[in-house]
Amino acid sequence: MASITIRNLDDILKRRLRIRAAEHGRSMEEEAREILRRVVGEPEPPVNLVAAIRARVSAFGGADLDLPPREPMREPPVMD
């Protein structure tokens, strides 16, 4: 496995990493690895927005929407 060294890390950022690691019961080094895995790890497949909305609404029995009737498009304005 490879190693990296991060220089010039802000003290505030280091403190936040230490606190986050403690909250998750990990060392700072392991917490940094986990963050990197999540951010630059395997790309997640794109989310299908329609499927996500349908899955969320279907638990409530769906949604019936009253759609207005379609009308012909108006003529575009003339810019003379």
Protein backbone atom coordinates (compact mmCIF):
# COMPACT_ATOMS: atom_id res chain seq x y z
CA MET A 1 0.00 0.00 0.00
CA ALA A 2 1.06 3.56 -0.68
CA SER A 3 1.59 6.34 1.84
CA ILE A 4 1.10 10.09 1.60
CA THR A 5 2.17 12.97 3.79
CA ILE A 6 0.00 16.06 4.08
CA ARG A 7 1.96 19.18 4.91
CA ASN A 8 0.68 22.61 6.00
CA LEU A 9 -2.59 21.25 7.39
CA ASP A 10 -4.51 23.95 9.25
CA ASP A 11 -4.68 23.43 13.00
CA ILE A 12 -8.47 23.85 12.94
CA LEU A 13 -8.84 21.22 10.22
CA LYS A 14 -6.59 18.82 12.13
CA ARG A 15 -8.63 19.36 15.29
CA ARG A 16 -11.88 18.72 13.40
CA LEU A 17 -10.42 15.52 11.94
CA ARG A 18 -9.36 14.38 15.42
CA ILE A 19 -12.86 15.04 16.81
CA ARG A 20 -14.55 13.31 13.88
CA ALA A 21 -12.25 10.30 14.28
CA ALA A 22 -13.06 10.09 18.00
CA GLU A 23 -16.79 10.26 17.26
CA HIS A 24 -16.41 7.28 14.92
CA GLY A 25 -14.06 5.38 17.22
CA ARG A 26 -11.14 5.51 14.75
CA SER A 27 -7.67 6.91 14.61
CA MET A 28 -7.12 10.13 12.69
CA GLU A 29 -5.27 8.17 10.03
CA GLU A 30 -8.12 5.68 9.58
CA GLU A 31 -10.66 8.52 9.53
CA ALA A 32 -8.69 10.26 6.76
CA ARG A 33 -8.59 6.97 4.80
CA GLU A 34 -12.35 6.57 5.18
CA ILE A 35 -12.99 10.12 4.00
CA LEU A 36 -10.77 9.55 0.96
CA ARG A 37 -12.51 6.23 0.21
CA ARG A 38 -15.89 7.95 0.23
CA VAL A 39 -14.83 10.95 -1.83
CA VAL A 40 -12.52 9.43 -4.43
CA GLY A 41 -13.42 5.77 -4.17
CA GLU A 42 -15.55 3.87 -6.64
CA PRO A 43 -17.93 6.18 -8.48
CA GLU A 44 -21.56 5.70 -7.57
CA PRO A 45 -24.02 5.12 -10.37
CA PRO A 46 -26.05 8.20 -11.27
CA VAL A 47 -29.30 8.58 -9.39
CA ASN A 48 -32.46 8.25 -11.47
CA LEU A 49 -34.48 11.17 -10.14
CA VAL A 50 -37.82 9.85 -11.39
CA ALA A 51 -37.26 6.45 -9.78
CA ALA A 52 -36.17 8.08 -6.50
CA ILE A 53 -39.29 10.26 -6.37
CA ARG A 54 -41.56 7.36 -7.31
CA ALA A 55 -40.02 5.17 -4.58
CA ARG A 56 -40.53 7.87 -1.97
CA VAL A 57 -44.13 8.68 -2.94
CA SER A 58 -45.26 5.08 -3.50
CA ALA A 59 -45.10 4.39 0.25
CA PHE A 60 -47.97 6.88 0.65
CA GLY A 61 -50.07 5.36 -2.12
CA GLY A 62 -48.74 7.55 -4.89
CA ALA A 63 -49.83 11.00 -5.91
CA ASP A 64 -52.62 11.96 -8.27
CA LEU A 65 -52.02 15.30 -9.89
CA ASP A 66 -54.57 17.30 -11.84
CA LEU A 67 -52.79 18.24 -15.03
CA PRO A 68 -54.11 21.23 -16.95
CA PRO A 69 -55.10 20.56 -20.56
CA ARG A 70 -52.47 21.26 -23.16
CA GLU A 71 -52.89 24.38 -25.22
CA PRO A 72 -51.19 25.36 -28.45
CA MET A 73 -48.01 27.36 -28.06
CA ARG A 74 -48.35 31.10 -28.51
CA GLU A 75 -46.55 32.87 -31.28
CA PRO A 76 -43.11 34.15 -30.36
CA PRO A 77 -42.74 37.92 -30.07
CA VAL A 78 -41.45 39.81 -33.07
CA MET A 79 -38.33 41.82 -32.32
CA ASP A 80 -38.19 44.44 -35.09
